[in-house]
Protein backbone atom coordinates (compact mmCIF):
# COMPACT_ATOMS: atom_id res chain seq x y z
CA MET A 1 -1.59 -11.24 -13.13
CA GLU A 2 -3.32 -14.50 -12.29
CA GLU A 3 0.09 -16.05 -11.64
CA LEU A 4 0.62 -13.55 -8.81
CA ASN A 5 -2.69 -14.31 -7.12
CA GLY A 6 -1.90 -15.29 -3.55
CA PHE A 7 1.75 -14.23 -3.78
CA ILE A 8 1.46 -10.42 -3.54
CA HIS A 9 2.00 -10.38 0.22
CA GLN A 10 4.99 -12.74 0.01
CA LEU A 11 6.59 -10.84 -2.88
CA SER A 12 6.05 -7.53 -1.08
CA GLN A 13 8.19 -8.79 1.80
CA ASP A 14 10.99 -10.01 -0.45
CA GLN A 15 14.02 -7.78 -0.98
CA TYR A 16 13.64 -8.08 -4.78
CA GLY A 17 10.00 -9.10 -5.12
CA ASN A 18 8.80 -5.80 -3.68
CA TYR A 19 10.24 -4.07 -6.75
CA VAL A 20 8.09 -6.27 -9.00
CA ILE A 21 4.97 -5.25 -7.10
CA GLN A 22 5.97 -1.58 -7.08
CA HIS A 23 6.57 -1.74 -10.84
CA ILE A 24 3.03 -3.04 -11.37
CA LEU A 25 1.65 -0.26 -9.18
CA GLU A 26 3.61 2.45 -10.98
CA ARG A 27 3.29 1.30 -14.58
CA GLY A 28 0.52 -1.30 -14.69
CA LYS A 29 -2.99 -1.08 -16.06
CA PRO A 30 -5.62 0.32 -13.68
CA GLU A 31 -7.14 -3.13 -13.22
CA ASP A 32 -3.70 -4.57 -12.35
CA LYS A 33 -3.14 -1.83 -9.78
CA SER A 34 -6.54 -2.50 -8.25
CA PHE A 35 -5.75 -6.23 -8.17
CA VAL A 36 -2.55 -5.62 -6.20
CA ILE A 37 -4.21 -3.13 -3.87
CA ALA A 38 -7.03 -5.62 -3.19
CA GLN A 39 -4.38 -8.15 -2.13
CA VAL A 40 -2.66 -5.58 0.12
CA LYS A 41 -5.90 -4.54 1.82
CA GLY A 42 -6.36 -6.31 5.10
CA ASN A 43 -2.62 -6.25 5.79
CA ILE A 44 -1.76 -2.56 5.57
CA LEU A 45 -0.67 -2.02 9.17
CA GLU A 46 1.37 -5.21 9.23
CA MET A 47 2.99 -4.48 5.86
CA SER A 48 3.73 -0.86 6.79
CA GLN A 49 6.00 -2.11 9.57
CA HIS A 50 8.03 -4.40 7.30
CA LYS A 51 11.31 -3.21 5.77
CA PHE A 52 10.39 -4.05 2.16
CA ALA A 53 6.59 -4.33 2.27
CA SER A 54 6.34 -0.77 3.61
CA ASN A 55 7.66 0.42 0.24
CA VAL A 56 4.79 -1.42 -1.44
CA VAL A 57 2.24 0.22 0.88
CA GLU A 58 3.76 3.62 0.11
CA THR A 59 3.57 2.95 -3.63
CA CYS A 60 -0.03 1.77 -3.25
CA VAL A 61 -0.99 5.07 -1.63
CA LEU A 62 0.76 7.11 -4.30
CA ASN A 63 -0.68 5.20 -7.26
CA ALA A 64 -4.14 4.14 -6.05
CA SER A 65 -7.38 5.43 -7.46
CA LYS A 66 -9.35 7.71 -5.15
CA LYS A 67 -11.68 4.82 -4.33
CA ASP A 68 -8.81 2.44 -3.48
CA ARG A 69 -6.93 5.11 -1.50
CA TYR A 70 -10.06 5.84 0.51
CA GLY A 71 -10.47 2.12 1.23
CA MET A 72 -6.88 1.87 2.45
CA ILE A 73 -7.29 4.84 4.77
CA GLU A 74 -10.56 3.44 6.09
CA GLU A 75 -8.79 0.18 6.91
CA VAL A 76 -6.13 1.99 8.90
CA ILE A 77 -8.65 4.09 10.79
CA LYS A 78 -10.83 1.13 11.72
CA THR A 79 -8.07 -1.37 12.47
CA ARG A 80 -7.03 -0.33 15.98
CA PRO A 81 -8.82 1.97 18.39
CA ASP A 82 -5.75 2.19 20.67
CA GLY A 83 -4.26 5.25 19.00
CA TYR A 84 -1.74 3.36 16.89
CA SER A 85 -3.86 3.79 13.79
CA PHE A 86 -3.99 7.52 14.40
CA PHE A 87 -0.20 7.65 14.61
CA PHE A 88 0.09 5.67 11.37
CA LEU A 89 -2.51 7.86 9.66
CA SER A 90 -0.68 11.01 10.82
CA SER A 91 2.55 9.64 9.34
CA LEU A 92 0.75 8.68 6.14
CA TYR A 93 -0.80 12.14 5.86
CA SER A 94 2.61 13.77 6.36
CA PHE A 95 4.13 11.53 3.72
CA ILE A 96 1.34 12.32 1.23
CA SER A 97 1.62 16.05 1.90
CA ILE A 98 5.37 16.01 1.31
CA SER A 99 5.02 13.85 -1.79
CA ILE A 100 2.40 16.13 -3.31
CA SER A 101 4.52 19.22 -2.70
CA ILE A 102 7.45 17.58 -4.51
CA PHE A 103 5.39 17.06 -7.65
């Protein structure tokens, strides 16, 4: 995982690299997942608007620990007071609700 340090954001935006990051989030050790999520934090809104990185954000939400998921939601809520964050959070909530009902 040390080899990926500093490259998570770049790989998340790559058409093939995002699959590598998603694989870690879906099948990696808890500490590896937390490592990736820590690299994603601080860029959630930006990444959620990117064609490939948005898939990584989605996978982060689905596979994060409660603590990490809470931190991601907090970031979105606090990022922009102009209402955009609320729209994103509403979309995220809808996605989570649909995903949970599928399982």
